[in-house]
Amino acid sequence: ATGNTTDRVSTNQTMGQDFNKYQLLVDRA
C-alpha cells in the first residue's frame, strides 16, 4: 500500500511531491 512508515492509520499519499515517486510499503504479511 501507499503511505509512509510514520503513519499507521493512513495509506494516503498527498500529491505535490515535485513529481517524485511514491513509497509502496508492506501493509500486511
PDB file of all heavy atoms in Angstrom:
ATOM      1  N   ALA A   1       0.840  -1.195   0.000  1.00  0.00           N
ATOM      2  CA  ALA A   1       0.000   0.000   0.000  1.00  0.00           C
ATOM      3  C   ALA A   1       0.872   1.240   0.000  1.00  0.00           C
ATOM      4  O   ALA A   1       2.025   1.219   0.448  1.00  0.00           O
ATOM      5  CB  ALA A   1      -0.931   0.016   1.222  1.00  0.00           C
ATOM      6  N   THR A   2       0.314   2.336  -0.512  1.00  0.00           N
ATOM      7  CA  THR A   2       0.986   3.622  -0.414  1.00  0.00           C
ATOM      8  C   THR A   2       0.947   4.097   1.035  1.00  0.00           C
ATOM      9  O   THR A   2       0.291   3.516   1.888  1.00  0.00           O
ATOM     10  CB  THR A   2       0.291   4.644  -1.322  1.00  0.00           C
ATOM     11  OG1 THR A   2      -1.127   4.605  -1.084  1.00  0.00           O
ATOM     12  CG2 THR A   2       0.540   4.347  -2.782  1.00  0.00           C
ATOM     13  N   GLY A   3       1.614   5.204   1.305  1.00  0.00           N
ATOM     14  CA  GLY A   3       1.659   5.756   2.657  1.00  0.00           C
ATOM     15  C   GLY A   3       3.094   6.008   3.076  1.00  0.00           C
ATOM     16  O   GLY A   3       3.988   6.212   2.239  1.00  0.00           O
ATOM     17  N   ASN A   4       3.333   6.006   4.385  1.00  0.00           N
ATOM     18  CA  ASN A   4       4.688   6.189   4.899  1.00  0.00           C
ATOM     19  C   ASN A   4       4.832   5.416   6.196  1.00  0.00           C
ATOM     20  O   ASN A   4       3.855   4.953   6.783  1.00  0.00           O
ATOM     21  CB  ASN A   4       5.014   7.678   5.096  1.00  0.00           C
ATOM     22  CG  ASN A   4       4.051   8.360   6.058  1.00  0.00           C
ATOM     23  OD1 ASN A   4       4.075   8.091   7.259  1.00  0.00           O
ATOM     24  ND2 ASN A   4       3.195   9.229   5.533  1.00  0.00           N
ATOM     25  N   THR A   5       6.052   5.288   6.657  1.00  0.00           N
ATOM     26  CA  THR A   5       6.347   4.448   7.814  1.00  0.00           C
ATOM     27  C   THR A   5       6.044   5.127   9.141  1.00  0.00           C
ATOM     28  O   THR A   5       6.197   4.501  10.193  1.00  0.00           O
ATOM     29  CB  THR A   5       7.827   4.035   7.799  1.00  0.00           C
ATOM     30  OG1 THR A   5       8.645   5.219   7.778  1.00  0.00           O
ATOM     31  CG2 THR A   5       8.129   3.194   6.574  1.00  0.00           C
ATOM     32  N   THR A   6       5.633   6.397   9.137  1.00  0.00           N
ATOM     33  CA  THR A   6       5.341   7.092  10.388  1.00  0.00           C
ATOM     34  C   THR A   6       3.851   7.278  10.626  1.00  0.00           C
ATOM     35  O   THR A   6       3.465   7.867  11.629  1.00  0.00           O
ATOM     36  CB  THR A   6       6.027   8.469  10.413  1.00  0.00           C
ATOM     37  OG1 THR A   6       5.520   9.275   9.339  1.00  0.00           O
ATOM     38  CG2 THR A   6       7.532   8.331  10.268  1.00  0.00           C
ATOM     39  N   ASP A   7       3.006   6.793   9.715  1.00  0.00           N
ATOM     40  CA  ASP A   7       1.560   6.963   9.856  1.00  0.00           C
ATOM     41  C   ASP A   7       0.895   5.604   9.690  1.00  0.00           C
ATOM     42  O   ASP A   7       0.691   5.116   8.592  1.00  0.00           O
ATOM     43  CB  ASP A   7       1.033   7.950   8.809  1.00  0.00           C
ATOM     44  CG  ASP A   7      -0.396   8.393   9.087  1.00  0.00           C
ATOM     45  OD1 ASP A   7      -1.053   7.760   9.947  1.00  0.00           O
ATOM     46  OD2 ASP A   7      -0.865   9.364   8.467  1.00  0.00           O
ATOM     47  N   ARG A   8       0.549   4.996  10.824  1.00  0.00           N
ATOM     48  CA  ARG A   8      -0.015   3.646  10.805  1.00  0.00           C
ATOM     49  C   ARG A   8      -1.509   3.650  10.549  1.00  0.00           C
ATOM     50  O   ARG A   8      -2.108   2.588  10.348  1.00  0.00           O
ATOM     51  CB  ARG A   8       0.293   2.935  12.127  1.00  0.00           C
ATOM     52  CG  ARG A   8      -0.285   3.632  13.314  1.00  0.00           C
ATOM     53  CD  ARG A   8       0.467   3.453  14.597  1.00  0.00           C
ATOM     54  NE  ARG A   8       1.885   3.325  14.509  1.00  0.00           N
ATOM     55  CZ  ARG A   8       2.746   4.350  14.386  1.00  0.00           C
ATOM     56  NH1 ARG A   8       2.269   5.592  14.324  1.00  0.00           N
ATOM     57  NH2 ARG A   8       4.035   4.150  14.311  1.00  0.00           N
ATOM     58  N   VAL A   9      -2.169   4.804  10.587  1.00  0.00           N
ATOM     59  CA  VAL A   9      -3.620   4.864  10.431  1.00  0.00           C
ATOM     60  C   VAL A   9      -4.034   5.512   9.110  1.00  0.00           C
ATOM     61  O   VAL A   9      -5.188   5.922   8.953  1.00  0.00           O
ATOM     62  CB  VAL A   9      -4.269   5.616  11.619  1.00  0.00           C
ATOM     63  CG1 VAL A   9      -4.182   4.787  12.881  1.00  0.00           C
ATOM     64  CG2 VAL A   9      -3.627   6.983  11.828  1.00  0.00           C
ATOM     65  N   SER A  10      -3.140   5.591   8.169  1.00  0.00           N
ATOM     66  CA  SER A  10      -3.495   6.144   6.860  1.00  0.00           C
ATOM     67  C   SER A  10      -2.576   5.564   5.798  1.00  0.00           C
ATOM     68  O   SER A  10      -1.377   5.380   6.026  1.00  0.00           O
ATOM     69  CB  SER A  10      -3.373   7.671   6.863  1.00  0.00           C
ATOM     70  OG  SER A  10      -3.638   8.193   5.576  1.00  0.00           O
ATOM     71  N   THR A  11      -3.150   5.260   4.636  1.00  0.00           N
ATOM     72  CA  THR A  11      -2.374   4.808   3.482  1.00  0.00           C
ATOM     73  C   THR A  11      -2.443   5.828   2.353  1.00  0.00           C
ATOM     74  O   THR A  11      -2.187   5.512   1.198  1.00  0.00           O
ATOM     75  CB  THR A  11      -2.897   3.444   2.990  1.00  0.00           C
ATOM     76  OG1 THR A  11      -4.315   3.503   2.826  1.00  0.00           O
ATOM     77  CG2 THR A  11      -2.557   2.344   3.981  1.00  0.00           C
ATOM     78  N   ASN A  12      -2.802   7.071   2.693  1.00  0.00           N
ATOM     79  CA  ASN A  12      -2.893   8.133   1.693  1.00  0.00           C
ATOM     80  C   ASN A  12      -1.514   8.673   1.339  1.00  0.00           C
ATOM     81  O   ASN A  12      -0.611   8.731   2.173  1.00  0.00           O
ATOM     82  CB  ASN A  12      -3.751   9.291   2.222  1.00  0.00           C
ATOM     83  CG  ASN A  12      -5.209   8.931   2.339  1.00  0.00           C
ATOM     84  OD1 ASN A  12      -5.784   8.338   1.427  1.00  0.00           O
ATOM     85  ND2 ASN A  12      -5.831   9.274   3.455  1.00  0.00           N
ATOM     86  N   GLN A  13      -1.367   9.075   0.088  1.00  0.00           N
ATOM     87  CA  GLN A  13      -0.184   9.780  -0.379  1.00  0.00           C
ATOM     88  C   GLN A  13      -0.639  11.121  -0.930  1.00  0.00           C
ATOM     89  O   GLN A  13      -1.449  11.178  -1.860  1.00  0.00           O
ATOM     90  CB  GLN A  13       0.526   8.985  -1.473  1.00  0.00           C
ATOM     91  CG  GLN A  13       1.676   9.724  -2.131  1.00  0.00           C
ATOM     92  CD  GLN A  13       2.816   9.991  -1.173  1.00  0.00           C
ATOM     93  OE1 GLN A  13       3.343   9.071  -0.564  1.00  0.00           O
ATOM     94  NE2 GLN A  13       3.209  11.251  -1.033  1.00  0.00           N
ATOM     95  N   THR A  14      -0.174  12.218  -0.328  1.00  0.00           N
ATOM     96  CA  THR A  14      -0.581  13.557  -0.756  1.00  0.00           C
ATOM     97  C   THR A  14       0.161  13.943  -2.020  1.00  0.00           C
ATOM     98  O   THR A  14       1.387  13.796  -2.116  1.00  0.00           O
ATOM     99  CB  THR A  14      -0.307  14.579   0.359  1.00  0.00           C
ATOM    100  OG1 THR A  14      -1.034  14.196   1.534  1.00  0.00           O
ATOM    101  CG2 THR A  14      -0.745  15.967  -0.062  1.00  0.00           C
ATOM    102  N   MET A  15      -0.576  14.438  -3.002  1.00  0.00           N
ATOM    103  CA  MET A  15       0.045  14.895  -4.245  1.00  0.00           C
ATOM    104  C   MET A  15       0.760  16.229  -4.003  1.00  0.00           C
ATOM    105  O   MET A  15       0.399  17.002  -3.128  1.00  0.00           O
ATOM    106  CB  MET A  15      -1.020  15.075  -5.335  1.00  0.00           C
ATOM    107  CG  MET A  15      -1.760  13.809  -5.685  1.00  0.00           C
ATOM    108  SD  MET A  15      -2.919  14.101  -7.058  1.00  0.00           S
ATOM    109  CE  MET A  15      -3.874  12.586  -7.014  1.00  0.00           C
ATOM    110  N   GLY A  16       1.749  16.487  -4.868  1.00  0.00           N
ATOM    111  CA  GLY A  16       2.532  17.711  -4.743  1.00  0.00           C
ATOM    112  C   GLY A  16       3.923  17.426  -4.234  1.00  0.00           C
ATOM    113  O   GLY A  16       4.440  18.139  -3.365  1.00  0.00           O
ATOM    114  N   GLN A  17       4.543  16.355  -4.745  1.00  0.00           N
ATOM    115  CA  GLN A  17       5.890  15.963  -4.328  1.00  0.00           C
ATOM    116  C   GLN A  17       6.906  16.221  -5.441  1.00  0.00           C
ATOM    117  O   GLN A  17       7.893  15.495  -5.576  1.00  0.00           O
ATOM    118  CB  GLN A  17       5.902  14.474  -3.948  1.00  0.00           C
ATOM    119  CG  GLN A  17       4.817  14.047  -2.986  1.00  0.00           C
ATOM    120  CD  GLN A  17       4.953  14.717  -1.637  1.00  0.00           C
ATOM    121  OE1 GLN A  17       6.053  14.912  -1.142  1.00  0.00           O
ATOM    122  NE2 GLN A  17       3.825  15.081  -1.041  1.00  0.00           N
ATOM    123  N   ASP A  18       6.655  17.271  -6.240  1.00  0.00           N
ATOM    124  CA  ASP A  18       7.543  17.607  -7.355  1.00  0.00           C
ATOM    125  C   ASP A  18       7.728  16.430  -8.307  1.00  0.00           C
ATOM    126  O   ASP A  18       8.824  16.182  -8.826  1.00  0.00           O
ATOM    127  CB  ASP A  18       8.913  18.075  -6.846  1.00  0.00           C
ATOM    128  CG  ASP A  18       8.825  19.392  -6.098  1.00  0.00           C
ATOM    129  OD1 ASP A  18       8.000  20.238  -6.488  1.00  0.00           O
ATOM    130  OD2 ASP A  18       9.556  19.559  -5.103  1.00  0.00           O
ATOM    131  N   PHE A  19       6.611  15.677  -8.515  1.00  0.00           N
ATOM    132  CA  PHE A  19       6.613  14.522  -9.406  1.00  0.00           C
ATOM    133  C   PHE A  19       7.504  13.393  -8.912  1.00  0.00           C
ATOM    134  O   PHE A  19       7.889  12.506  -9.686  1.00  0.00           O
ATOM    135  CB  PHE A  19       7.033  14.904 -10.832  1.00  0.00           C
ATOM    136  CG  PHE A  19       6.078  15.847 -11.519  1.00  0.00           C
ATOM    137  CD1 PHE A  19       6.482  16.571 -12.624  1.00  0.00           C
ATOM    138  CD2 PHE A  19       4.788  16.017 -11.051  1.00  0.00           C
ATOM    139  CE1 PHE A  19       5.608  17.441 -13.262  1.00  0.00           C
ATOM    140  CE2 PHE A  19       3.913  16.884 -11.681  1.00  0.00           C
ATOM    141  CZ  PHE A  19       4.319  17.606 -12.781  1.00  0.00           C
ATOM    142  N   ASN A  20       7.861  13.418  -7.658  1.00  0.00           N
ATOM    143  CA  ASN A  20       8.669  12.330  -7.108  1.00  0.00           C
ATOM    144  C   ASN A  20       7.821  11.075  -6.975  1.00  0.00           C
ATOM    145  O   ASN A  20       6.592  11.141  -6.889  1.00  0.00           O
ATOM    146  CB  ASN A  20       9.230  12.733  -5.739  1.00  0.00           C
ATOM    147  CG  ASN A  20      10.426  11.905  -5.337  1.00  0.00           C
ATOM    148  OD1 ASN A  20      10.890  11.060  -6.098  1.00  0.00           O
ATOM    149  ND2 ASN A  20      10.921  12.135  -4.140  1.00  0.00           N
ATOM    150  N   LYS A  21       8.485   9.920  -6.939  1.00  0.00           N
ATOM    151  CA  LYS A  21       7.781   8.642  -6.862  1.00  0.00           C
ATOM    152  C   LYS A  21       7.255   8.401  -5.449  1.00  0.00           C
ATOM    153  O   LYS A  21       7.767   8.952  -4.476  1.00  0.00           O
ATOM    154  CB  LYS A  21       8.707   7.511  -7.307  1.00  0.00           C
ATOM    155  CG  LYS A  21       9.131   7.595  -8.771  1.00  0.00           C
ATOM    156  CD  LYS A  21      10.097   6.498  -9.131  1.00  0.00           C
ATOM    157  CE  LYS A  21      11.477   6.770  -8.570  1.00  0.00           C
ATOM    158  NZ  LYS A  21      12.103   7.958  -9.157  1.00  0.00           N
ATOM    159  N   TYR A  22       6.236   7.545  -5.347  1.00  0.00           N
ATOM    160  CA  TYR A  22       5.636   7.229  -4.053  1.00  0.00           C
ATOM    161  C   TYR A  22       6.275   5.974  -3.461  1.00  0.00           C
ATOM    162  O   TYR A  22       6.778   5.114  -4.181  1.00  0.00           O
ATOM    163  CB  TYR A  22       4.121   6.976  -4.195  1.00  0.00           C
ATOM    164  CG  TYR A  22       3.331   8.141  -4.723  1.00  0.00           C
ATOM    165  CD1 TYR A  22       2.118   7.939  -5.368  1.00  0.00           C
ATOM    166  CD2 TYR A  22       3.788   9.448  -4.592  1.00  0.00           C
ATOM    167  CE1 TYR A  22       1.368   8.996  -5.855  1.00  0.00           C
ATOM    168  CE2 TYR A  22       3.056  10.518  -5.070  1.00  0.00           C
ATOM    169  CZ  TYR A  22       1.843  10.296  -5.709  1.00  0.00           C
ATOM    170  OH  TYR A  22       1.114  11.345  -6.183  1.00  0.00           O
ATOM    171  N   GLN A  23       6.187   5.904  -2.138  1.00  0.00           N
ATOM    172  CA  GLN A  23       6.607   4.689  -1.458  1.00  0.00           C
ATOM    173  C   GLN A  23       5.493   3.640  -1.545  1.00  0.00           C
ATOM    174  O   GLN A  23       4.321   3.969  -1.440  1.00  0.00           O
ATOM    175  CB  GLN A  23       6.895   4.972   0.015  1.00  0.00           C
ATOM    176  CG  GLN A  23       8.016   5.965   0.266  1.00  0.00           C
ATOM    177  CD  GLN A  23       8.239   6.162   1.747  1.00  0.00           C
ATOM    178  OE1 GLN A  23       8.889   5.348   2.397  1.00  0.00           O
ATOM    179  NE2 GLN A  23       7.705   7.232   2.288  1.00  0.00           N
ATOM    180  N   LEU A  24       5.876   2.406  -1.708  1.00  0.00           N
ATOM    181  CA  LEU A  24       4.943   1.277  -1.647  1.00  0.00           C
ATOM    182  C   LEU A  24       5.426   0.364  -0.528  1.00  0.00           C
ATOM    183  O   LEU A  24       6.512  -0.223  -0.612  1.00  0.00           O
ATOM    184  CB  LEU A  24       4.894   0.524  -2.977  1.00  0.00           C
ATOM    185  CG  LEU A  24       3.665  -0.353  -3.219  1.00  0.00           C
ATOM    186  CD1 LEU A  24       2.392   0.488  -3.187  1.00  0.00           C
ATOM    187  CD2 LEU A  24       3.760  -1.093  -4.539  1.00  0.00           C
ATOM    188  N   LEU A  25       4.642   0.273   0.543  1.00  0.00           N
ATOM    189  CA  LEU A  25       5.071  -0.378   1.770  1.00  0.00           C
ATOM    190  C   LEU A  25       4.309  -1.680   2.001  1.00  0.00           C
ATOM    191  O   LEU A  25       3.223  -1.881   1.459  1.00  0.00           O
ATOM    192  CB  LEU A  25       4.855   0.564   2.959  1.00  0.00           C
ATOM    193  CG  LEU A  25       5.481   1.956   2.814  1.00  0.00           C
ATOM    194  CD1 LEU A  25       5.027   2.850   3.942  1.00  0.00           C
ATOM    195  CD2 LEU A  25       6.992   1.862   2.797  1.00  0.00           C
ATOM    196  N   VAL A  26       4.874  -2.546   2.835  1.00  0.00           N
ATOM    197  CA  VAL A  26       4.201  -3.784   3.203  1.00  0.00           C
ATOM    198  C   VAL A  26       3.128  -3.441   4.236  1.00  0.00           C
ATOM    199  O   VAL A  26       3.439  -3.102   5.379  1.00  0.00           O
ATOM    200  CB  VAL A  26       5.190  -4.815   3.771  1.00  0.00           C
ATOM    201  CG1 VAL A  26       4.454  -6.069   4.217  1.00  0.00           C
ATOM    202  CG2 VAL A  26       6.242  -5.169   2.720  1.00  0.00           C
ATOM    203  N   ASP A  27       1.872  -3.533   3.825  1.00  0.00           N
ATOM    204  CA  ASP A  27       0.746  -3.204   4.691  1.00  0.00           C
ATOM    205  C   ASP A  27       0.273  -4.425   5.473  1.00  0.00           C
ATOM    206  O   ASP A  27      -0.185  -4.297   6.614  1.00  0.00           O
ATOM    207  CB  ASP A  27      -0.398  -2.644   3.826  1.00  0.00           C
ATOM    208  CG  ASP A  27      -1.488  -1.997   4.646  1.00  0.00           C
ATOM    209  OD1 ASP A  27      -1.172  -1.383   5.686  1.00  0.00           O
ATOM    210  OD2 ASP A  27      -2.664  -2.104   4.257  1.00  0.00           O
ATOM    211  N   ARG A  28       0.372  -5.598   4.853  1.00  0.00           N
ATOM    212  CA  ARG A  28       0.037  -6.863   5.511  1.00  0.00           C
ATOM    213  C   ARG A  28       1.019  -7.940   5.062  1.00  0.00           C
ATOM    214  O   ARG A  28       1.461  -7.944   3.914  1.00  0.00           O
ATOM    215  CB  ARG A  28      -1.394  -7.317   5.189  1.00  0.00           C
ATOM    216  CG  ARG A  28      -2.493  -6.448   5.766  1.00  0.00           C
ATOM    217  CD  ARG A  28      -3.852  -6.957   5.351  1.00  0.00           C
ATOM    218  NE  ARG A  28      -4.919  -6.041   5.768  1.00  0.00           N
ATOM    219  CZ  ARG A  28      -6.182  -6.135   5.370  1.00  0.00           C
ATOM    220  NH1 ARG A  28      -6.548  -7.124   4.558  1.00  0.00           N
ATOM    221  NH2 ARG A  28      -7.077  -5.261   5.786  1.00  0.00           N
ATOM    222  N   ALA A  29       1.315  -8.851   5.981  1.00  0.00           N
ATOM    223  CA  ALA A  29       2.152 -10.018   5.666  1.00  0.00           C
ATOM    224  C   ALA A  29       1.879 -11.044   6.753  1.00  0.00           C
ATOM    225  O   ALA A  29       2.326 -10.882   7.885  1.00  0.00           O
ATOM    226  CB  ALA A  29       3.633  -9.638   5.619  1.00  0.00           C
TER     227      ALA A  29
END
